[in-house]
PDB file of N, CA and C in Angstrom:
ATOM      1  N   GLU A   1     152.071 126.808  72.242  1.00  0.00           N
ATOM      2  CA  GLU A   1     154.018 127.271  71.909  1.00  0.00           C
ATOM      3  C   GLU A   1     154.349 128.197  70.347  1.00  0.00           C
ATOM      4  N   GLN A   2     154.794 129.503  70.766  1.00  0.00           N
ATOM      5  CA  GLN A   2     155.618 129.898  69.681  1.00  0.00           C
ATOM      6  C   GLN A   2     155.732 129.167  68.162  1.00  0.00           C
ATOM      7  N   LEU A   3     155.456 129.574  66.989  1.00  0.00           N
ATOM      8  CA  LEU A   3     157.303 129.068  66.028  1.00  0.00           C
ATOM      9  C   LEU A   3     157.358 130.093  65.316  1.00  0.00           C
ATOM     10  N   ILE A   4     158.618 130.510  65.636  1.00  0.00           N
ATOM     11  CA  ILE A   4     159.158 131.686  65.425  1.00  0.00           C
ATOM     12  C   ILE A   4     159.508 131.785  63.608  1.00  0.00           C
ATOM     13  N   CYS A   5     159.130 132.473  62.746  1.00  0.00           N
ATOM     14  CA  CYS A   5     159.513 133.276  61.135  1.00  0.00           C
ATOM     15  C   CYS A   5     160.887 132.309  60.692  1.00  0.00           C
ATOM     16  N   CYS A   6     160.794 131.027  59.853  1.00  0.00           N
ATOM     17  CA  CYS A   6     161.905 131.229  59.659  1.00  0.00           C
ATOM     18  C   CYS A   6     162.700 130.566  58.142  1.00  0.00           C
ATOM     19  N   THR A   7     163.743 130.481  57.852  1.00  0.00           N
ATOM     20  CA  THR A   7     163.825 130.764  56.258  1.00  0.00           C
ATOM     21  C   THR A   7     162.326 129.314  55.394  1.00  0.00           C
ATOM     22  N   LYS A   8     162.941 128.279  55.762  1.00  0.00           N
ATOM     23  CA  LYS A   8     162.077 126.978  55.243  1.00  0.00           C
ATOM     24  C   LYS A   8     162.116 126.157  57.048  1.00  0.00           C
ATOM     25  N   LEU A   9     160.350 126.229  56.147  1.00  0.00           N
ATOM     26  CA  LEU A   9     159.395 125.769  57.553  1.00  0.00           C
ATOM     27  C   LEU A   9     159.474 124.198  57.428  1.00  0.00           C
ATOM     28  N   PRO A  10     159.584 123.240  57.961  1.00  0.00           N
ATOM     29  CA  PRO A  10     160.120 121.174  58.153  1.00  0.00           C
ATOM     30  C   PRO A  10     158.428 121.786  57.690  1.00  0.00           C
ATOM     31  N   MET A  11     158.633 119.845  57.197  1.00  0.00           N
ATOM     32  CA  MET A  11     157.191 119.596  57.040  1.00  0.00           C
ATOM     33  C   MET A  11     156.087 119.437  57.880  1.00  0.00           C
ATOM     34  N   PHE A  12     155.140 118.988  57.932  1.00  0.00           N
ATOM     35  CA  PHE A  12     154.280 118.462  59.006  1.00  0.00           C
ATOM     36  C   PHE A  12     153.175 117.522  58.703  1.00  0.00           C
ATOM     37  N   HIS A  13     154.065 116.032  58.685  1.00  0.00           N
ATOM     38  CA  HIS A  13     153.215 115.150  58.070  1.00  0.00           C
ATOM     39  C   HIS A  13     151.463 114.897  58.161  1.00  0.00           C
ATOM     40  N   ASN A  14     150.981 115.146  59.518  1.00  0.00           N
ATOM     41  CA  ASN A  14     150.444 114.724  60.744  1.00  0.00           C
ATOM     42  C   ASN A  14     149.718 115.618  60.916  1.00  0.00           C
ATOM     43  N   LEU A  15     150.200 117.172  60.502  1.00  0.00           N
ATOM     44  CA  LEU A  15     148.754 118.380  60.955  1.00  0.00           C
ATOM     45  C   LEU A  15     147.574 118.410  61.089  1.00  0.00           C
ATOM     46  N   THR A  16     146.507 118.378  61.540  1.00  0.00           N
ATOM     47  CA  THR A  16     145.140 118.674  60.637  1.00  0.00           C
ATOM     48  C   THR A  16     144.553 119.575  61.119  1.00  0.00           C
ATOM     49  N   HIS A  17     145.220 120.364  62.552  1.00  0.00           N
ATOM     50  CA  HIS A  17     144.535 121.705  62.847  1.00  0.00           C
ATOM     51  C   HIS A  17     145.376 122.421  63.001  1.00  0.00           C
ATOM     52  N   VAL A  18     145.370 124.125  62.655  1.00  0.00           N
ATOM     53  CA  VAL A  18     146.190 125.217  62.807  1.00  0.00           C
ATOM     54  C   VAL A  18     145.703 126.349  63.331  1.00  0.00           C
ATOM     55  N   LYS A  19     146.172 127.113  64.469  1.00  0.00           N
ATOM     56  CA  LYS A  19     145.500 128.116  64.757  1.00  0.00           C
ATOM     57  C   LYS A  19     146.755 128.969  64.662  1.00  0.00           C
ATOM     58  N   LEU A  20     146.895 130.291  63.919  1.00  0.00           N
ATOM     59  CA  LEU A  20     147.772 130.945  63.402  1.00  0.00           C
ATOM     60  C   LEU A  20     147.513 132.340  63.733  1.00  0.00           C
ATOM     61  N   LYS A  21     147.984 133.018  64.121  1.00  0.00           N
ATOM     62  CA  LYS A  21     148.281 134.970  64.378  1.00  0.00           C
ATOM     63  C   LYS A  21     149.298 135.168  64.011  1.00  0.00           C
ATOM     64  N   LEU A  22     148.699 136.244  62.918  1.00  0.00           N
ATOM     65  CA  LEU A  22     149.381 137.116  62.141  1.00  0.00           C
ATOM     66  C   LEU A  22     150.021 138.143  62.437  1.00  0.00           C
ATOM     67  N   PHE A  23     151.011 138.281  63.049  1.00  0.00           N
ATOM     68  CA  PHE A  23     152.170 139.354  62.864  1.00  0.00           C
ATOM     69  C   PHE A  23     152.850 140.574  62.116  1.00  0.00           C
ATOM     70  N   PHE A  24     152.325 141.325  61.315  1.00  0.00           N
ATOM     71  CA  PHE A  24     153.577 142.120  60.064  1.00  0.00           C
ATOM     72  C   PHE A  24     153.016 141.658  59.109  1.00  0.00           C
ATOM     73  N   ASN A  25     151.987 141.090  58.239  1.00  0.00           N
ATOM     74  CA  ASN A  25     152.605 140.735  56.637  1.00  0.00           C
ATOM     75  C   ASN A  25     153.154 139.889  56.388  1.00  0.00           C
ATOM     76  N   MET A  26     151.989 138.330  57.290  1.00  0.00           N
ATOM     77  CA  MET A  26     153.246 137.194  57.552  1.00  0.00           C
ATOM     78  C   MET A  26     152.267 136.989  56.364  1.00  0.00           C
ATOM     79  N   TRP A  27     152.081 136.918  55.472  1.00  0.00           N
ATOM     80  CA  TRP A  27     151.387 135.918  54.169  1.00  0.00           C
ATOM     81  C   TRP A  27     151.922 135.465  53.544  1.00  0.00           C
ATOM     82  N   GLY A  28     153.062 135.448  52.955  1.00  0.00           N
ATOM     83  CA  GLY A  28     153.799 134.891  52.402  1.00  0.00           C
ATOM     84  C   GLY A  28     155.345 133.625  53.413  1.00  0.00           C
ATOM     85  N   TRP A  29     154.526 133.710  54.668  1.00  0.00           N
ATOM     86  CA  TRP A  29     154.787 132.636  55.171  1.00  0.00           C
ATOM     87  C   TRP A  29     153.320 132.094  55.491  1.00  0.00           C
ATOM     88  N   LEU A  30     152.494 132.578  55.608  1.00  0.00           N
ATOM     89  CA  LEU A  30     151.011 131.547  55.769  1.00  0.00           C
ATOM     90  C   LEU A  30     151.201 130.787  54.415  1.00  0.00           C
ATOM     91  N   GLN A  31     151.509 131.240  53.548  1.00  0.00           N
ATOM     92  CA  GLN A  31     151.413 129.972  52.260  1.00  0.00           C
ATOM     93  C   GLN A  31     152.560 128.814  52.030  1.00  0.00           C
ATOM     94  N   GLN A  32     153.867 129.092  52.265  1.00  0.00           N
ATOM     95  CA  GLN A  32     154.291 128.745  52.282  1.00  0.00           C
ATOM     96  C   GLN A  32     154.842 127.101  54.302  1.00  0.00           C
ATOM     97  N   MET A  33     153.575 127.646  55.040  1.00  0.00           N
ATOM     98  CA  MET A  33     153.151 127.055  55.697  1.00  0.00           C
ATOM     99  C   MET A  33     151.708 126.242  55.257  1.00  0.00           C
ATOM    100  N   LEU A  34     150.865 126.429  54.420  1.00  0.00           N
ATOM    101  CA  LEU A  34     149.944 125.728  54.299  1.00  0.00           C
ATOM    102  C   LEU A  34     151.070 124.655  53.237  1.00  0.00           C
ATOM    103  N   GLU A  35     152.129 124.877  52.347  1.00  0.00           N
ATOM    104  CA  GLU A  35     152.688 124.380  51.427  1.00  0.00           C
ATOM    105  C   GLU A  35     153.089 122.956  52.724  1.00  0.00           C
ATOM    106  N   GLN A  36     152.745 123.487  53.163  1.00  0.00           N
ATOM    107  CA  GLN A  36     154.075 122.366  54.775  1.00  0.00           C
ATOM    108  C   GLN A  36     152.771 121.119  55.383  1.00  0.00           C
ATOM    109  N   CYS A  37     151.799 121.316  55.191  1.00  0.00           N
ATOM    110  CA  CYS A  37     150.279 120.921  55.936  1.00  0.00           C
ATOM    111  C   CYS A  37     149.607 119.848  54.735  1.00  0.00           C
ATOM    112  N   HIS A  38     150.479 118.884  54.452  1.00  0.00           N
ATOM    113  CA  HIS A  38     149.667 118.348  53.665  1.00  0.00           C
ATOM    114  C   HIS A  38     147.889 117.817  53.887  1.00  0.00           C
ATOM    115  N   LYS A  39     147.978 117.345  55.268  1.00  0.00           N
ATOM    116  CA  LYS A  39     146.731 116.599  55.503  1.00  0.00           C
ATOM    117  C   LYS A  39     145.845 118.020  56.576  1.00  0.00           C
ATOM    118  N   LEU A  40     145.996 119.014  56.690  1.00  0.00           N
ATOM    119  CA  LEU A  40     145.385 120.479  56.866  1.00  0.00           C
ATOM    120  C   LEU A  40     144.066 120.169  57.128  1.00  0.00           C
ATOM    121  N   GLN A  41     143.312 120.155  58.190  1.00  0.00           N
ATOM    122  CA  GLN A  41     141.896 119.714  57.801  1.00  0.00           C
ATOM    123  C   GLN A  41     140.256 120.656  58.147  1.00  0.00           C
ATOM    124  N   SER A  42     141.935 121.475  59.233  1.00  0.00           N
ATOM    125  CA  SER A  42     141.305 123.398  60.287  1.00  0.00           C
ATOM    126  C   SER A  42     142.039 123.896  59.964  1.00  0.00           C
ATOM    127  N   LEU A  43     141.818 125.246  59.826  1.00  0.00           N
ATOM    128  CA  LEU A  43     143.058 126.997  59.152  1.00  0.00           C
ATOM    129  C   LEU A  43     141.662 128.162  60.523  1.00  0.00           C
ATOM    130  N   ILE A  44     142.422 128.041  61.085  1.00  0.00           N
ATOM    131  CA  ILE A  44     142.284 129.772  61.731  1.00  0.00           C
ATOM    132  C   ILE A  44     143.168 130.280  61.611  1.00  0.00           C
ATOM    133  N   VAL A  45     143.145 131.374  61.403  1.00  0.00           N
ATOM    134  CA  VAL A  45     144.113 133.039  61.251  1.00  0.00           C
ATOM    135  C   VAL A  45     143.594 134.009  61.915  1.00  0.00           C
ATOM    136  N   LYS A  46     144.273 134.134  62.482  1.00  0.00           N
ATOM    137  CA  LYS A  46     143.902 135.490  63.637  1.00  0.00           C
ATOM    138  C   LYS A  46     144.771 136.919  62.789  1.00  0.00           C
ATOM    139  N   GLY A  47     143.961 137.568  63.152  1.00  0.00           N
ATOM    140  CA  GLY A  47     144.770 138.615  61.715  1.00  0.00           C
ATOM    141  C   GLY A  47     145.679 140.046  63.357  1.00  0.00           C
ATOM    142  N   CYS A  48     146.140 140.809  62.624  1.00  0.00           N
ATOM    143  CA  CYS A  48     146.818 141.461  63.846  1.00  0.00           C
ATOM    144  C   CYS A  48     146.358 143.022  63.763  1.00  0.00           C
ATOM    145  N   GLU A  49     146.614 143.814  64.632  1.00  0.00           N
ATOM    146  CA  GLU A  49     146.259 145.116  64.270  1.00  0.00           C
ATOM    147  C   GLU A  49     146.868 145.812  63.376  1.00  0.00           C
ATOM    148  N   HIS A  50     148.232 145.265  63.485  1.00  0.00           N
ATOM    149  CA  HIS A  50     149.261 145.837  63.311  1.00  0.00           C
ATOM    150  C   HIS A  50     149.813 145.564  61.725  1.00  0.00           C
ATOM    151  N   GLN A  51     149.114 144.747  61.262  1.00  0.00           N
ATOM    152  CA  GLN A  51     148.719 144.006  60.213  1.00  0.00           C
ATOM    153  C   GLN A  51     148.480 144.636  58.963  1.00  0.00           C
ATOM    154  N   ASP A  52     149.526 146.354  58.811  1.00  0.00           N
ATOM    155  CA  ASP A  52     149.301 147.264  57.619  1.00  0.00           C
ATOM    156  C   ASP A  52     149.271 146.513  56.182  1.00  0.00           C
ATOM    157  N   GLU A  53     148.585 146.996  55.173  1.00  0.00           N
ATOM    158  CA  GLU A  53     149.042 146.893  53.802  1.00  0.00           C
ATOM    159  C   GLU A  53     150.138 147.866  53.153  1.00  0.00           C
ATOM    160  N   ILE A  54     151.416 146.952  53.340  1.00  0.00           N
ATOM    161  CA  ILE A  54     152.936 147.389  52.700  1.00  0.00           C
ATOM    162  C   ILE A  54     152.230 146.966  51.530  1.00  0.00           C
ATOM    163  N   LYS A  55     152.511 147.577  50.097  1.00  0.00           N
ATOM    164  CA  LYS A  55     153.113 147.247  48.631  1.00  0.00           C
ATOM    165  C   LYS A  55     154.382 145.473  49.167  1.00  0.00           C
ATOM    166  N   ASP A  56     154.389 144.944  48.219  1.00  0.00           N
ATOM    167  CA  ASP A  56     154.753 143.699  47.947  1.00  0.00           C
ATOM    168  C   ASP A  56     154.377 142.458  49.654  1.00  0.00           C
ATOM    169  N   GLN A  57     153.860 142.449  49.980  1.00  0.00           N
ATOM    170  CA  GLN A  57     153.832 142.373  51.167  1.00  0.00           C
ATOM    171  C   GLN A  57     152.896 141.802  51.839  1.00  0.00           C
ATOM    172  N   SER A  58     151.609 141.887  50.928  1.00  0.00           N
ATOM    173  CA  SER A  58     149.896 141.157  50.732  1.00  0.00           C
ATOM    174  C   SER A  58     149.898 140.269  50.398  1.00  0.00           C
ATOM    175  N   TRP A  59     148.318 139.847  50.282  1.00  0.00           N
ATOM    176  CA  TRP A  59     148.316 138.325  49.884  1.00  0.00           C
ATOM    177  C   TRP A  59     148.922 138.088  48.103  1.00  0.00           C
ATOM    178  N   LYS A  60     149.357 137.077  47.818  1.00  0.00           N
ATOM    179  CA  LYS A  60     149.179 136.783  46.109  1.00  0.00           C
ATOM    180  C   LYS A  60     149.429 134.902  46.277  1.00  0.00           C
ATOM    181  N   ASP A  61     148.271 134.421  45.456  1.00  0.00           N
ATOM    182  CA  ASP A  61     148.047 133.682  45.231  1.00  0.00           C
ATOM    183  C   ASP A  61     149.073 132.584  44.614  1.00  0.00           C
ATOM    184  N   PRO A  62     149.881 131.605  44.978  1.00  0.00           N
ATOM    185  CA  PRO A  62     150.809 131.037  44.736  1.00  0.00           C
ATOM    186  C   PRO A  62     150.816 129.820  43.883  1.00  0.00           C
ATOM    187  N   PRO A  63     151.720 130.051  43.094  1.00  0.00           N
ATOM    188  CA  PRO A  63     151.296 129.204  41.706  1.00  0.00           C
ATOM    189  C   PRO A  63     150.699 128.025  41.561  1.00  0.00           C
ATOM    190  N   THR A  64     150.692 126.982  42.971  1.00  0.00           N
ATOM    191  CA  THR A  64     150.198 125.768  42.143  1.00  0.00           C
ATOM    192  C   THR A  64     149.674 126.153  43.728  1.00  0.00           C
ATOM    193  N   VAL A  65     148.275 124.640  43.922  1.00  0.00           N
ATOM    194  CA  VAL A  65     147.527 124.762  44.863  1.00  0.00           C
ATOM    195  C   VAL A  65     148.216 123.716  46.090  1.00  0.00           C
ATOM    196  N   PRO A  66     148.466 124.171  46.706  1.00  0.00           N
ATOM    197  CA  PRO A  66     148.685 123.085  48.384  1.00  0.00           C
ATOM    198  C   PRO A  66     148.073 122.147  48.456  1.00  0.00           C
ATOM    199  N   ASN A  67     148.152 121.116  48.506  1.00  0.00           N
ATOM    200  CA  ASN A  67     147.334 119.686  48.121  1.00  0.00           C
ATOM    201  C   ASN A  67     146.237 119.513  49.653  1.00  0.00           C
ATOM    202  N   CYS A  68     146.734 120.125  51.222  1.00  0.00           N
ATOM    203  CA  CYS A  68     145.641 120.393  51.910  1.00  0.00           C
ATOM    204  C   CYS A  68     144.295 121.417  51.562  1.00  0.00           C
ATOM    205  N   LEU A  69     144.687 122.069  50.748  1.00  0.00           N
ATOM    206  CA  LEU A  69     143.761 122.871  49.930  1.00  0.00           C
ATOM    207  C   LEU A  69     143.042 121.940  48.828  1.00  0.00           C
ATOM    208  N   SER A  70     143.638 121.056  48.010  1.00  0.00           N
ATOM    209  CA  SER A  70     142.543 120.284  46.943  1.00  0.00           C
ATOM    210  C   SER A  70     141.997 119.412  47.845  1.00  0.00           C
ATOM    211  N   LEU A  71     142.626 118.619  48.986  1.00  0.00           N
ATOM    212  CA  LEU A  71     142.854 117.847  49.486  1.00  0.00           C
ATOM    213  C   LEU A  71     141.581 117.533  50.077  1.00  0.00           C
ATOM    214  N   HIS A  72     141.305 118.290  51.608  1.00  0.00           N
ATOM    215  CA  HIS A  72     141.738 118.356  52.997  1.00  0.00           C
ATOM    216  C   HIS A  72     140.755 119.155  53.639  1.00  0.00           C
ATOM    217  N   LEU A  73     141.274 120.339  53.539  1.00  0.00           N
ATOM    218  CA  LEU A  73     140.697 121.113  54.020  1.00  0.00           C
ATOM    219  C   LEU A  73     139.420 121.279  54.469  1.00  0.00           C
ATOM    220  N   ARG A  74     138.793 121.636  54.857  1.00  0.00           N
ATOM    221  CA  ARG A  74     136.753 121.387  55.709  1.00  0.00           C
ATOM    222  C   ARG A  74     136.618 122.734  56.189  1.00  0.00           C
ATOM    223  N   THR A  75     137.549 123.524  56.961  1.00  0.00           N
ATOM    224  CA  THR A  75     136.543 124.623  57.700  1.00  0.00           C
ATOM    225  C   THR A  75     137.763 125.636  57.397  1.00  0.00           C
ATOM    226  N   CYS A  76     137.830 126.385  57.275  1.00  0.00           N
ATOM    227  CA  CYS A  76     138.027 127.608  57.723  1.00  0.00           C
ATOM    228  C   CYS A  76     138.252 129.099  58.176  1.00  0.00           C
ATOM    229  N   CYS A  77     138.767 129.495  59.092  1.00  0.00           N
ATOM    230  CA  CYS A  77     138.079 131.251  60.153  1.00  0.00           C
ATOM    231  C   CYS A  77     139.263 132.055  59.543  1.00  0.00           C
ATOM    232  N   LEU A  78     138.456 133.825  59.203  1.00  0.00           N
ATOM    233  CA  LEU A  78     139.433 134.455  59.623  1.00  0.00           C
ATOM    234  C   LEU A  78     138.559 135.361  60.427  1.00  0.00           C
ATOM    235  N   ALA A  79     139.554 135.513  62.012  1.00  0.00           N
ATOM    236  CA  ALA A  79     139.717 135.713  63.275  1.00  0.00           C
ATOM    237  C   ALA A  79     140.059 137.145  63.301  1.00  0.00           C
ATOM    238  N   TYR A  80     139.331 138.230  63.221  1.00  0.00           N
ATOM    239  CA  TYR A  80     139.465 139.573  64.095  1.00  0.00           C
ATOM    240  C   TYR A  80     140.469 140.137  61.972  1.00  0.00           C
ATOM    241  N   CYS A  81     139.441 139.636  61.588  1.00  0.00           N
ATOM    242  CA  CYS A  81     139.679 140.727  60.208  1.00  0.00           C
ATOM    243  C   CYS A  81     138.915 141.577  60.247  1.00  0.00           C
ATOM    244  N   ARG A  82     139.946 143.151  59.426  1.00  0.00           N
ATOM    245  CA  ARG A  82     139.634 144.213  59.610  1.00  0.00           C
ATOM    246  C   ARG A  82     139.279 144.664  57.883  1.00  0.00           C
ATOM    247  N   GLY A  83     138.970 144.105  57.661  1.00  0.00           N
ATOM    248  CA  GLY A  83     138.617 143.847  55.745  1.00  0.00           C
ATOM    249  C   GLY A  83     139.220 144.477  54.681  1.00  0.00           C
ATOM    250  N   THR A  84     140.692 143.957  54.894  1.00  0.00           N
ATOM    251  CA  THR A  84     141.886 144.451  53.820  1.00  0.00           C
ATOM    252  C   THR A  84     141.979 143.609  53.088  1.00  0.00           C
ATOM    253  N   GLU A  85     142.930 143.968  51.910  1.00  0.00           N
ATOM    254  CA  GLU A  85     142.318 143.567  50.051  1.00  0.00           C
ATOM    255  C   GLU A  85     142.856 142.543  50.271  1.00  0.00           C
ATOM    256  N   SER A  86     143.568 141.882  51.257  1.00  0.00           N
ATOM    257  CA  SER A  86     145.342 141.358  51.593  1.00  0.00           C
ATOM    258  C   SER A  86     144.195 140.026  51.965  1.00  0.00           C
ATOM    259  N   GLU A  87     143.236 139.799  53.349  1.00  0.00           N
ATOM    260  CA  GLU A  87     142.410 139.147  54.021  1.00  0.00           C
ATOM    261  C   GLU A  87     141.461 138.664  52.556  1.00  0.00           C
ATOM    262  N   LEU A  88     140.365 139.448  51.922  1.00  0.00           N
ATOM    263  CA  LEU A  88     139.512 139.800  51.390  1.00  0.00           C
ATOM    264  C   LEU A  88     140.169 138.383  49.744  1.00  0.00           C
ATOM    265  N   GLN A  89     141.281 138.820  49.662  1.00  0.00           N
ATOM    266  CA  GLN A  89     142.328 137.790  48.847  1.00  0.00           C
ATOM    267  C   GLN A  89     142.464 136.474  48.838  1.00  0.00           C
ATOM    268  N   PHE A  90     142.071 136.232  50.163  1.00  0.00           N
ATOM    269  CA  PHE A  90     142.935 135.515  50.626  1.00  0.00           C
ATOM    270  C   PHE A  90     141.708 134.134  51.099  1.00  0.00           C
ATOM    271  N   ALA A  91     141.390 134.876  51.145  1.00  0.00           N
ATOM    272  CA  ALA A  91     138.966 134.829  51.458  1.00  0.00           C
ATOM    273  C   ALA A  91     139.247 133.811  50.354  1.00  0.00           C
ATOM    274  N   LYS A  92     139.185 134.628  49.339  1.00  0.00           N
ATOM    275  CA  LYS A  92     138.787 134.079  47.782  1.00  0.00           C
ATOM    276  C   LYS A  92     139.500 133.054  46.893  1.00  0.00           C
ATOM    277  N   TYR A  93     141.000 133.392  47.908  1.00  0.00           N
ATOM    278  CA  TYR A  93     141.636 132.098  47.633  1.00  0.00           C
ATOM    279  C   TYR A  93     141.467 130.230  47.676  1.00  0.00           C
ATOM    280  N   ILE A  94     140.905 130.747  49.248  1.00  0.00           N
ATOM    281  CA  ILE A  94     140.844 129.649  50.505  1.00  0.00           C
ATOM    282  C   ILE A  94     139.491 129.133  49.114  1.00  0.00           C
ATOM    283  N   LEU A  95     138.041 129.565  49.483  1.00  0.00           N
ATOM    284  CA  LEU A  95     136.994 129.866  48.997  1.00  0.00           C
ATOM    285  C   LEU A  95     136.381 129.010  47.493  1.00  0.00           C
ATOM    286  N   GLN A  96     137.837 129.023  46.722  1.00  0.00           N
ATOM    287  CA  GLN A  96     137.824 129.103  45.407  1.00  0.00           C
ATOM    288  C   GLN A  96     138.838 127.893  44.507  1.00  0.00           C
ATOM    289  N   ASN A  97     139.422 127.638  45.496  1.00  0.00           N
ATOM    290  CA  ASN A  97     140.251 126.552  45.841  1.00  0.00           C
ATOM    291  C   ASN A  97     140.784 125.656  46.754  1.00  0.00           C
ATOM    292  N   SER A  98     139.408 125.376  47.377  1.00  0.00           N
ATOM    293  CA  SER A  98     139.571 124.694  47.893  1.00  0.00           C
ATOM    294  C   SER A  98     138.191 123.705  48.174  1.00  0.00           C
ATOM    295  N   LYS A  99     138.461 122.416  47.683  1.00  0.00           N
ATOM    296  CA  LYS A  99     136.920 121.225  47.121  1.00  0.00           C
ATOM    297  C   LYS A  99     136.398 120.857  47.784  1.00  0.00           C
ATOM    298  N   ILE A 100     136.808 120.824  48.949  1.00  0.00           N
ATOM    299  CA  ILE A 100     135.861 120.206  50.442  1.00  0.00           C
ATOM    300  C   ILE A 100     136.024 120.302  51.454  1.00  0.00           C
ATOM    301  N   LEU A 101     135.882 121.938  50.953  1.00  0.00           N
ATOM    302  CA  LEU A 101     135.113 123.324  52.245  1.00  0.00           C
ATOM    303  C   LEU A 101     133.664 122.825  52.369  1.00  0.00           C
ATOM    304  N   LYS A 102     133.898 123.151  53.805  1.00  0.00           N
ATOM    305  CA  LYS A 102     132.404 123.401  54.333  1.00  0.00           C
ATOM    306  C   LYS A 102     131.530 123.994  54.913  1.00  0.00           C
ATOM    307  N   THR A 103     132.755 125.087  55.488  1.00  0.00           N
ATOM    308  CA  THR A 103     132.975 126.057  56.536  1.00  0.00           C
ATOM    309  C   THR A 103     133.869 127.393  56.091  1.00  0.00           C
ATOM    310  N   MET A 104     133.347 128.695  55.883  1.00  0.00           N
ATOM    311  CA  MET A 104     134.304 129.191  56.063  1.00  0.00           C
ATOM    312  C   MET A 104     133.838 130.509  56.891  1.00  0.00           C
ATOM    313  N   LYS A 105     134.226 131.340  57.719  1.00  0.00           N
ATOM    314  CA  LYS A 105     133.808 131.733  58.866  1.00  0.00           C
ATOM    315  C   LYS A 105     134.185 133.700  58.733  1.00  0.00           C
ATOM    316  N   ILE A 106     134.084 134.558  58.411  1.00  0.00           N
ATOM    317  CA  ILE A 106     134.848 135.407  58.870  1.00  0.00           C
ATOM    318  C   ILE A 106     134.230 136.453  60.023  1.00  0.00           C
ATOM    319  N   LYS A 107     135.493 136.585  61.309  1.00  0.00           N
ATOM    320  CA  LYS A 107     135.293 137.140  62.733  1.00  0.00           C
ATOM    321  C   LYS A 107     135.182 138.321  62.032  1.00  0.00           C
ATOM    322  N   TYR A 108     135.326 139.866  62.425  1.00  0.00           N
ATOM    323  CA  TYR A 108     135.260 140.600  62.028  1.00  0.00           C
ATOM    324  C   TYR A 108     135.943 141.344  63.095  1.00  0.00           C
ATOM    325  N   ASN A 109     137.241 142.764  63.288  1.00  0.00           N
ATOM    326  CA  ASN A 109     137.601 143.579  64.491  1.00  0.00           C
ATOM    327  C   ASN A 109     136.608 144.550  64.505  1.00  0.00           C
ATOM    328  N   TYR A 110     136.714 144.699  66.189  1.00  0.00           N
ATOM    329  CA  TYR A 110     135.525 145.391  66.016  1.00  0.00           C
ATOM    330  C   TYR A 110     134.673 146.275  65.784  1.00  0.00           C
ATOM    331  N   ASN A 111     136.253 147.500  65.335  1.00  0.00           N
ATOM    332  CA  ASN A 111     135.857 148.758  64.422  1.00  0.00           C
ATOM    333  C   ASN A 111     135.616 148.907  63.090  1.00  0.00           C
ATOM    334  N   VAL A 112     135.769 147.027  62.829  1.00  0.00           N
ATOM    335  CA  VAL A 112     134.647 146.980  60.864  1.00  0.00           C
ATOM    336  C   VAL A 112     133.587 147.937  60.814  1.00  0.00           C
ATOM    337  N   ASP A 113     133.519 148.930  59.756  1.00  0.00           N
ATOM    338  CA  ASP A 113     132.065 149.137  58.721  1.00  0.00           C
ATOM    339  C   ASP A 113     131.506 148.830  58.965  1.00  0.00           C
ATOM    340  N   MET A 114     130.307 148.186  58.959  1.00  0.00           N
ATOM    341  CA  MET A 114     128.876 148.062  58.705  1.00  0.00           C
ATOM    342  C   MET A 114     129.073 147.703  56.684  1.00  0.00           C
ATOM    343  N   LYS A 115     129.439 149.002  55.859  1.00  0.00           N
ATOM    344  CA  LYS A 115     129.959 148.945  54.497  1.00  0.00           C
ATOM    345  C   LYS A 115     130.946 147.616  53.624  1.00  0.00           C
ATOM    346  N   VAL A 116     131.408 148.036  55.004  1.00  0.00           N
ATOM    347  CA  VAL A 116     133.141 147.232  54.612  1.00  0.00           C
ATOM    348  C   VAL A 116     132.551 145.184  54.347  1.00  0.00           C
ATOM    349  N   LYS A 117     132.178 145.708  56.185  1.00  0.00           N
ATOM    350  CA  LYS A 117     131.607 143.658  55.849  1.00  0.00           C
ATOM    351  C   LYS A 117     130.851 143.552  54.944  1.00  0.00           C
ATOM    352  N   ASP A 118     129.569 144.083  54.469  1.00  0.00           N
ATOM    353  CA  ASP A 118     128.300 144.201  53.477  1.00  0.00           C
ATOM    354  C   ASP A 118     129.525 144.175  51.871  1.00  0.00           C
ATOM    355  N   GLN A 119     130.059 144.595  51.366  1.00  0.00           N
ATOM    356  CA  GLN A 119     131.035 144.690  50.385  1.00  0.00           C
ATOM    357  C   GLN A 119     131.868 143.689  50.546  1.00  0.00           C
ATOM    358  N   ILE A 120     132.691 142.639  51.586  1.00  0.00           N
ATOM    359  CA  ILE A 120     133.381 142.093  51.125  1.00  0.00           C
ATOM    360  C   ILE A 120     131.757 140.642  51.172  1.00  0.00           C
ATOM    361  N   LYS A 121     130.920 140.598  51.883  1.00  0.00           N
ATOM    362  CA  LYS A 121     130.674 139.283  52.265  1.00  0.00           C
ATOM    363  C   LYS A 121     129.814 139.716  50.716  1.00  0.00           C
ATOM    364  N   MET A 122     129.504 140.437  49.265  1.00  0.00           N
ATOM    365  CA  MET A 122     128.797 140.401  48.494  1.00  0.00           C
ATOM    366  C   MET A 122     130.011 140.139  47.075  1.00  0.00           C
ATOM    367  N   GLU A 123     131.314 140.353  48.119  1.00  0.00           N
ATOM    368  CA  GLU A 123     132.275 139.838  46.781  1.00  0.00           C
ATOM    369  C   GLU A 123     132.669 138.148  47.532  1.00  0.00           C
ATOM    370  N   LEU A 124     132.587 137.754  48.267  1.00  0.00           N
ATOM    371  CA  LEU A 124     132.920 136.939  48.792  1.00  0.00           C
ATOM    372  C   LEU A 124     131.656 135.524  47.840  1.00  0.00           C
ATOM    373  N   SER A 125     130.142 136.093  48.169  1.00  0.00           N
ATOM    374  CA  SER A 125     129.433 135.271  48.124  1.00  0.00           C
ATOM    375  C   SER A 125     129.435 135.155  46.150  1.00  0.00           C
ATOM    376  N   SER A 126     129.883 136.052  45.362  1.00  0.00           N
ATOM    377  CA  SER A 126     130.324 135.537  43.833  1.00  0.00           C
ATOM    378  C   SER A 126     131.272 134.664  43.780  1.00  0.00           C
ATOM    379  N   SER A 127     132.122 134.326  45.215  1.00  0.00           N
ATOM    380  CA  SER A 127     133.437 133.492  44.711  1.00  0.00           C
ATOM    381  C   SER A 127     133.058 131.811  45.922  1.00  0.00           C
ATOM    382  N   ALA A 128     132.110 131.827  46.085  1.00  0.00           N
ATOM    383  CA  ALA A 128     131.609 130.833  47.596  1.00  0.00           C
ATOM    384  C   ALA A 128     130.962 129.337  46.336  1.00  0.00           C
ATOM    385  N   LYS A 129     130.906 128.519  46.335  1.00  0.00           N
ATOM    386  CA  LYS A 129     130.316 127.029  45.599  1.00  0.00           C
ATOM    387  C   LYS A 129     129.038 127.459  46.212  1.00  0.00           C
TER     388      LYS A 129
END
């Protein structure tokens, strides 16, 4: 079932596992989703080829860390990653703010250059716990 973007998401009190597919720069919506899922333990974010880097539509760290990150998130996966700056910033944010995170996976889109993968790996390894 698909959830269409709306102005205010409901609270998902008992949601522990989420798999999302992002369409067109939905980073702000993803932030709101994290705020509404206090018990989230597993997050899978699938990118989209149409997700271009548009100014003011990229990942920005929220002013406060969502409860799910500081208390519950154990696994996170970025699938179909294209190596964009927003994906990198989101991955860094998760690594730096998820206190009990055990696994962070990045699965790249088929056409991502090896140099980009190596650069991201290097940048994220400095953020890893």
